[in-house]
Protein backbone atom coordinates (compact mmCIF):
# COMPACT_ATOMS: atom_id res chain seq x y z
CA MET A 1 -30.56 -1.97 5.14
CA SER A 2 -27.65 -0.41 7.02
CA ILE A 3 -24.62 -2.57 7.87
CA ARG A 4 -21.19 -2.03 9.40
CA TRP A 5 -18.62 -0.32 7.19
CA ARG A 6 -16.25 -3.29 7.12
CA GLU A 7 -18.87 -5.54 5.54
CA ALA A 8 -19.99 -2.80 3.17
CA MET A 9 -16.43 -2.12 1.96
CA ASP A 10 -15.73 -5.80 1.45
CA ARG A 11 -18.80 -6.24 -0.74
CA ALA A 12 -18.23 -3.02 -2.66
CA LEU A 13 -14.55 -3.62 -3.40
CA TYR A 14 -14.19 -7.39 -3.59
CA GLY A 15 -17.65 -8.92 -3.94
CA PRO A 16 -19.15 -10.09 -7.25
CA GLY A 17 -18.80 -7.18 -9.65
CA GLY A 18 -16.85 -5.24 -7.00
CA PHE A 19 -14.72 -2.24 -7.83
CA PHE A 20 -11.38 -4.06 -7.70
CA VAL A 21 -12.42 -7.33 -9.34
CA ALA A 22 -14.35 -5.98 -12.33
CA GLY A 23 -13.62 -3.44 -15.03
CA SER A 24 -10.31 -1.79 -15.82
CA GLY A 25 -8.90 -1.93 -12.30
CA PRO A 26 -7.39 0.87 -10.21
CA ALA A 27 -5.37 2.45 -13.04
CA GLY A 28 -8.59 3.57 -14.69
CA HIS A 29 -9.58 5.65 -11.68
CA PHE A 30 -6.53 6.96 -9.83
CA ARG A 31 -2.76 7.23 -10.15
CA THR A 32 -0.43 5.49 -7.72
CA SER A 33 3.35 5.25 -7.48
CA VAL A 34 3.17 2.01 -9.45
CA HIS A 35 1.67 3.86 -12.41
CA ALA A 36 4.68 6.19 -12.48
CA ALA A 37 6.77 3.24 -13.68
CA PRO A 38 9.49 2.68 -14.79
CA ALA A 39 10.95 5.24 -12.36
CA PHE A 40 9.31 3.58 -9.36
CA ALA A 41 10.19 0.11 -10.63
CA THR A 42 13.82 1.14 -11.19
CA ALA A 43 14.12 2.34 -7.60
CA LEU A 44 12.39 -0.77 -6.33
CA LEU A 45 14.78 -2.93 -8.32
CA ARG A 46 17.64 -1.35 -6.36
CA LEU A 47 15.85 -2.39 -3.17
CA VAL A 48 15.44 -5.90 -4.59
CA GLY A 49 19.21 -5.92 -5.12
CA GLN A 50 19.79 -5.00 -1.48
CA VAL A 51 17.47 -7.77 -0.34
CA ASP A 52 19.20 -10.20 -2.69
CA ALA A 53 22.60 -9.34 -1.22
CA ALA A 54 21.30 -9.62 2.36
CA LEU A 55 19.99 -13.11 1.54
CA GLY A 56 23.26 -14.24 -0.03
CA HIS A 57 21.97 -14.31 -3.63
CA PRO A 58 19.59 -17.30 -3.40
CA ALA A 59 18.90 -19.46 -6.43
CA ARG A 60 15.33 -18.15 -6.46
CA LEU A 61 14.47 -14.63 -5.36
CA ASP A 62 10.78 -13.92 -4.83
CA VAL A 63 9.06 -10.61 -5.50
CA VAL A 64 5.43 -10.86 -4.39
CA ASP A 65 3.11 -7.93 -5.12
CA VAL A 66 0.04 -7.95 -2.85
CA GLY A 67 -2.91 -6.06 -4.30
CA ALA A 68 -1.27 -6.11 -7.72
CA GLY A 69 -4.00 -4.33 -9.68
CA ARG A 70 -3.48 -5.52 -13.21
CA GLY A 71 0.18 -6.43 -12.69
CA GLU A 72 1.65 -3.02 -13.58
CA LEU A 73 4.52 -3.11 -11.08
CA LEU A 74 5.67 -6.62 -11.91
CA ARG A 75 5.49 -5.92 -15.65
CA ALA A 76 7.74 -2.91 -15.07
CA LEU A 77 10.15 -4.88 -12.87
CA ALA A 78 10.40 -7.58 -15.50
CA SER A 79 11.27 -4.93 -18.09
CA VAL A 80 14.09 -3.29 -16.07
CA ALA A 81 15.64 -6.39 -14.47
CA THR A 82 18.71 -7.64 -16.35
CA GLY A 83 21.53 -10.16 -16.15
CA GLU A 84 21.67 -13.11 -13.81
CA LEU A 85 19.34 -11.41 -11.30
CA ALA A 86 16.55 -11.41 -13.89
CA GLY A 87 17.05 -15.15 -14.29
CA ARG A 88 16.60 -15.75 -10.57
CA LEU A 89 13.54 -13.55 -10.04
CA ARG A 90 10.21 -15.20 -9.43
CA LEU A 91 7.45 -12.62 -9.83
CA THR A 92 4.07 -13.30 -8.24
CA ALA A 93 0.99 -11.07 -8.34
CA VAL A 94 -1.60 -11.49 -5.58
CA GLU A 95 -4.98 -10.21 -6.70
CA ARG A 96 -8.64 -11.27 -6.58
CA ALA A 97 -9.36 -10.04 -10.10
CA PRO A 98 -8.92 -12.46 -13.01
CA ARG A 99 -5.48 -12.73 -14.58
CA PRO A 100 -5.05 -10.15 -17.39
CA ARG A 101 -4.83 -11.80 -20.78
CA ASP A 102 -1.75 -9.82 -21.77
CA LEU A 103 0.24 -10.49 -18.60
CA PRO A 104 3.67 -11.95 -19.43
CA ALA A 105 3.97 -15.68 -18.83
CA GLY A 106 6.82 -15.10 -16.39
CA VAL A 107 4.48 -13.49 -13.85
CA ASP A 108 2.49 -15.86 -11.64
CA TRP A 109 -1.08 -14.81 -10.73
CA VAL A 110 -2.66 -16.05 -7.50
CA ASP A 111 -5.55 -14.98 -5.27
CA GLY A 112 -3.77 -15.53 -1.94
CA ILE A 113 -0.33 -14.73 -0.54
CA PRO A 114 1.98 -17.72 -1.09
CA THR A 115 3.93 -19.22 1.80
CA GLY A 116 7.70 -19.59 2.03
CA ILE A 117 8.64 -16.26 0.46
CA THR A 118 12.38 -15.63 0.19
CA GLY A 119 12.86 -12.11 -1.08
CA LEU A 120 10.58 -9.07 -1.19
CA LEU A 121 6.88 -8.84 -0.41
CA VAL A 122 5.53 -5.44 -1.48
CA ALA A 123 2.07 -3.98 -0.87
CA THR A 124 1.57 -0.63 -2.59
CA GLU A 125 -1.69 1.03 -1.58
CA TRP A 126 -3.13 -2.29 -0.48
CA LEU A 127 -3.72 -1.71 3.22
CA ASP A 128 -5.81 1.41 2.61
CA ASN A 129 -8.30 -0.83 0.82
CA VAL A 130 -8.43 -3.53 3.48
CA PRO A 131 -12.01 -3.16 4.75
CA LEU A 132 -12.37 -1.72 8.23
CA ASP A 133 -15.06 -0.62 10.65
CA LEU A 134 -15.75 2.97 11.62
CA ALA A 135 -16.84 4.22 15.01
CA VAL A 136 -18.17 7.44 16.52
CA HIS A 137 -17.59 8.58 20.09
CA GLY A 138 -20.55 9.49 22.27
CA SER A 139 -21.36 10.05 25.91
CA ASP A 140 -21.37 6.30 26.47
CA GLY A 141 -18.17 5.58 24.55
CA TRP A 142 -17.45 4.27 21.06
CA ARG A 143 -20.24 2.92 18.84
CA TYR A 144 -20.03 1.44 15.37
CA LEU A 145 -21.06 3.56 12.42
CA LEU A 146 -23.47 1.81 10.05
CA VAL A 147 -23.91 2.65 6.37
CA ASP A 148 -26.58 2.12 3.74
CA PRO A 149 -24.60 0.59 0.83
CA ALA A 150 -26.94 2.07 -1.76
CA THR A 151 -26.76 5.67 -0.60
CA GLY A 152 -23.80 6.03 1.76
CA ALA A 153 -26.10 7.40 4.48
CA GLU A 154 -24.69 6.67 7.96
CA SER A 155 -26.35 5.87 11.26
CA VAL A 156 -25.10 4.95 14.72
CA GLY A 157 -25.12 1.29 15.73
CA GLY A 158 -24.25 -0.64 18.86
CA PRO A 159 -21.19 -0.39 21.13
CA VAL A 160 -17.89 -1.62 19.71
CA ASP A 161 -16.83 -5.09 20.81
CA ASP A 162 -14.04 -5.73 23.29
CA GLU A 163 -11.28 -6.28 20.72
CA ASP A 164 -12.09 -3.09 18.85
CA ALA A 165 -12.42 -1.18 22.12
CA ARG A 166 -8.91 -2.29 23.10
CA TRP A 167 -7.55 -1.27 19.70
CA LEU A 168 -9.17 2.16 19.98
CA ALA A 169 -7.85 2.68 23.50
CA ALA A 170 -4.32 1.81 22.37
CA TRP A 171 -4.19 3.50 18.97
CA TRP A 172 -7.05 5.97 18.46
CA PRO A 173 -8.41 7.35 21.75
CA ALA A 174 -11.08 10.05 21.46
CA PRO A 175 -9.32 13.42 21.78
CA GLY A 176 -10.31 14.75 25.20
CA GLY A 177 -13.21 12.31 25.24
CA ALA A 178 -14.90 14.49 22.60
CA ALA A 179 -18.38 13.46 21.52
CA GLY A 180 -18.80 13.14 17.76
CA ALA A 181 -15.18 12.23 17.04
CA ARG A 182 -14.83 9.53 14.37
CA ALA A 183 -12.30 6.72 14.25
CA GLU A 184 -11.28 4.22 11.60
CA ILE A 185 -10.64 0.97 13.44
CA GLY A 186 -7.41 -0.38 11.97
CA ARG A 187 -7.43 -3.78 13.65
CA SER A 188 -8.31 -5.51 10.35
CA ARG A 189 -5.31 -3.85 8.68
CA ASP A 190 -3.03 -4.94 11.55
CA GLU A 191 -4.23 -8.51 11.11
CA ALA A 192 -3.82 -8.40 7.31
CA TRP A 193 -0.27 -7.05 7.55
CA ALA A 194 0.74 -9.48 10.29
CA ASP A 195 -0.56 -12.33 8.12
CA ALA A 196 1.37 -11.05 5.10
CA VAL A 197 4.60 -10.73 7.09
CA GLY A 198 4.05 -14.26 8.36
CA HIS A 199 4.31 -15.56 4.79
CA VAL A 200 7.89 -14.28 4.45
CA ASP A 201 10.52 -16.83 5.50
CA ARG A 202 13.45 -14.47 4.93
CA GLY A 203 13.66 -11.08 3.32
CA LEU A 204 11.71 -7.85 3.50
CA ALA A 205 8.03 -6.93 3.68
CA LEU A 206 7.34 -3.43 2.35
CA ALA A 207 4.06 -1.53 2.74
CA VAL A 208 3.66 1.74 0.83
CA ASP A 209 0.58 3.77 1.68
CA TYR A 210 -0.98 7.01 2.78
CA GLY A 211 -1.27 6.99 6.56
CA HIS A 212 -0.86 8.69 9.91
CA ARG A 213 0.57 8.08 13.34
CA ALA A 214 -0.52 9.00 16.85
CA PRO A 215 -1.04 11.70 17.98
CA GLU A 216 -1.87 13.10 14.51
CA ARG A 217 -5.00 11.03 14.00
CA PRO A 218 -7.56 12.97 11.92
CA VAL A 219 -10.54 13.85 14.14
CA ASP A 220 -13.03 13.34 11.31
CA GLY A 221 -11.23 10.38 9.73
CA THR A 222 -10.06 10.00 6.15
CA LEU A 223 -12.70 7.81 4.50
CA THR A 224 -13.32 8.86 0.90
CA GLY A 225 -14.04 7.58 -2.59
CA TYR A 226 -12.42 7.85 -6.02
CA ARG A 227 -13.86 7.36 -9.47
CA SER A 228 -12.39 8.23 -12.88
CA GLY A 229 -9.62 10.33 -11.38
CA ARG A 230 -11.90 12.38 -9.13
CA GLN A 231 -12.60 12.32 -5.41
CA VAL A 232 -16.22 11.37 -4.76
CA PRO A 233 -18.38 10.56 -1.70
CA PRO A 234 -17.55 7.08 -0.33
CA VAL A 235 -20.74 5.28 -1.31
CA PRO A 236 -20.04 1.52 -0.96
CA ASP A 237 -22.15 0.39 -3.91
CA GLY A 238 -19.28 -0.95 -6.04
CA SER A 239 -19.14 2.06 -8.34
CA CYS A 240 -16.06 3.70 -6.77
CA ASP A 241 -12.98 3.05 -4.71
CA VAL A 242 -13.62 3.32 -0.97
CA THR A 243 -10.44 3.98 0.96
CA ALA A 244 -9.14 5.25 4.29
CA HIS A 245 -5.59 6.12 5.34
CA VAL A 246 -3.63 3.59 7.39
CA ALA A 247 -2.67 3.80 11.07
CA MET A 248 0.95 3.06 10.16
CA ASP A 249 2.29 2.82 13.71
CA SER A 250 -0.32 0.21 14.64
CA VAL A 251 0.36 -1.80 11.48
CA ALA A 252 4.11 -1.60 12.09
CA SER A 253 3.71 -2.89 15.63
CA ALA A 254 1.64 -5.83 14.39
CA GLY A 255 4.28 -6.75 11.81
CA GLN A 256 7.08 -6.48 14.31
CA ARG A 257 5.37 -8.93 16.66
CA VAL A 258 5.38 -11.52 13.87
CA ALA A 259 8.82 -10.83 12.40
CA ARG A 260 10.57 -10.25 15.74
CA CYS A 261 12.85 -7.78 13.96
CA ALA A 262 13.11 -4.01 14.14
CA TYR A 263 11.33 -2.08 11.38
CA ALA A 264 11.85 1.25 9.59
CA LEU A 265 9.04 3.74 8.98
CA GLY A 266 9.60 6.87 6.91
CA SER A 267 8.42 8.82 3.90
CA GLN A 268 8.54 7.69 0.29
CA ARG A 269 10.49 10.85 -0.50
CA GLU A 270 13.27 9.81 1.89
CA ALA A 271 13.20 6.17 0.77
CA LEU A 272 13.38 6.88 -2.96
CA ARG A 273 16.15 9.42 -2.55
CA ALA A 274 18.14 6.85 -0.58
CA LEU A 275 17.60 4.47 -3.49
CA GLY A 276 19.06 6.98 -5.95
CA ALA A 277 15.90 8.67 -7.24
CA ASP A 278 16.50 12.36 -6.51
CA GLY A 279 14.43 14.02 -9.24
CA GLY A 280 17.23 16.45 -10.16
CA ARG A 281 17.02 18.20 -13.53
CA PRO A 282 19.58 17.14 -16.13
CA PRO A 283 22.34 19.68 -16.90
CA LEU A 284 21.42 22.24 -19.58
CA ALA A 285 24.62 21.42 -21.43
CA LEU A 286 23.06 18.07 -22.34
CA ALA A 287 20.39 19.91 -24.33
CA ALA A 288 23.07 21.14 -26.73
CA SER A 289 25.09 17.94 -26.99
CA ASP A 290 22.21 15.44 -26.96
CA PRO A 291 18.77 17.10 -27.34
CA ALA A 292 16.85 13.83 -27.43
CA GLY A 293 18.71 12.53 -24.39
CA TYR A 294 17.99 15.78 -22.57
CA VAL A 295 14.25 15.43 -23.24
CA ARG A 296 14.29 11.83 -21.98
CA ALA A 297 16.24 12.81 -18.86
CA LEU A 298 13.90 15.73 -18.23
CA ALA A 299 10.86 13.44 -18.50
CA ALA A 300 12.46 10.97 -16.08
CA ALA A 301 13.24 13.76 -13.62
CA SER A 302 9.63 14.95 -13.82
CA THR A 303 8.37 11.48 -12.97
CA VAL A 304 10.73 11.20 -10.01
CA ALA A 305 9.64 14.64 -8.85
CA GLU A 306 6.05 13.39 -8.82
CA LEU A 307 7.06 10.32 -6.82
CA THR A 308 8.90 12.41 -4.23
CA ASP A 309 6.53 15.39 -3.94
CA PRO A 310 5.71 15.55 -0.21
CA ALA A 311 2.27 16.97 -1.04
CA GLY A 312 1.50 13.99 -3.26
CA LEU A 313 2.96 10.52 -3.77
CA GLY A 314 6.07 11.50 -1.83
CA GLY A 315 3.85 11.73 1.23
CA HIS A 316 3.35 7.98 1.23
CA TRP A 317 4.74 6.12 4.21
CA TRP A 318 7.22 3.31 3.61
CA LEU A 319 7.06 0.59 6.24
CA ARG A 320 10.01 -1.79 5.83
CA GLN A 321 9.78 -4.92 7.97
CA PRO A 322 12.79 -7.25 7.70
CA VAL A 323 12.31 -10.94 8.39
CA GLY A 324 15.33 -13.07 9.26
CA VAL A 325 17.81 -10.38 8.16
CA THR A 326 19.13 -7.23 9.80
CA LEU A 327 17.45 -3.89 9.22
CA ASP A 328 20.65 -2.21 8.04
CA ALA A 329 21.08 -4.81 5.30
CA VAL A 330 17.78 -3.97 3.57
CA VAL A 331 17.26 -0.26 4.27
CA ALA A 332 19.17 2.21 2.12
CA ARG A 333 20.26 5.30 4.03
């Protein structure tokens, strides 16, 4: 039986036996910035330090990872944090999957975003997996796309409801009224991000994801699947990741309405370079004086180059939404 894409994605990704709650987790199927740790974690720790300073070095500094996978980012942060800051960090993973048995005891594991966050909330490639509806434009306007979860076959359903119609008019209008244009209705992502930002009392909410802004919306959409490191058709049967890029400008607007503070939206390449990760090769002279050190530095530079490659992970958007602090205090330039 065909159903709307939002319901199909929710079942496939987060239902019993779903892609993200069973098995090895995301790391077994695709590589994200988090999996390039410790380089990513080292840069993020510098951002944590900026947030800490903006907050006046509170006795407890939260780092909450939403959509934490199997806790890779927080494990890496725990390994690179040192000194008195390490003693004040409270690391919390938010994930629907069961807690990994080997997760360090110092990392909390919860299935919902905690309230009263003072510090950093980070969501790395979370919003692209928040289930959403798809629509197709016809002579009578936008209609929902339906999907058969077993096969991925699509069919056209009824007209979109009023809320989705308003979202489409504001953020994803059909180009020239073209029939056959597809849209990925990001209202569910807006709501998820606004809710996440609302859990931060003071600090910074950071979303890192593939995305787009108006007027560069993709006419055919971005919905796709991933399994075992390969791109596959997006069949929502639980056997693969089903993902779509994020309407970052819409999400940013939703977060700003909650935080009532200006936000920053830019590329991961720019953000990481501002945080000191430039990917430069070590000097050749080091190879003669310290061969082992040169090899280590070269490997680190290669990882940073991957993180900042504009054709790959460097093409991620970074949405930084301050809450209760000024933008300049938590955005490296």
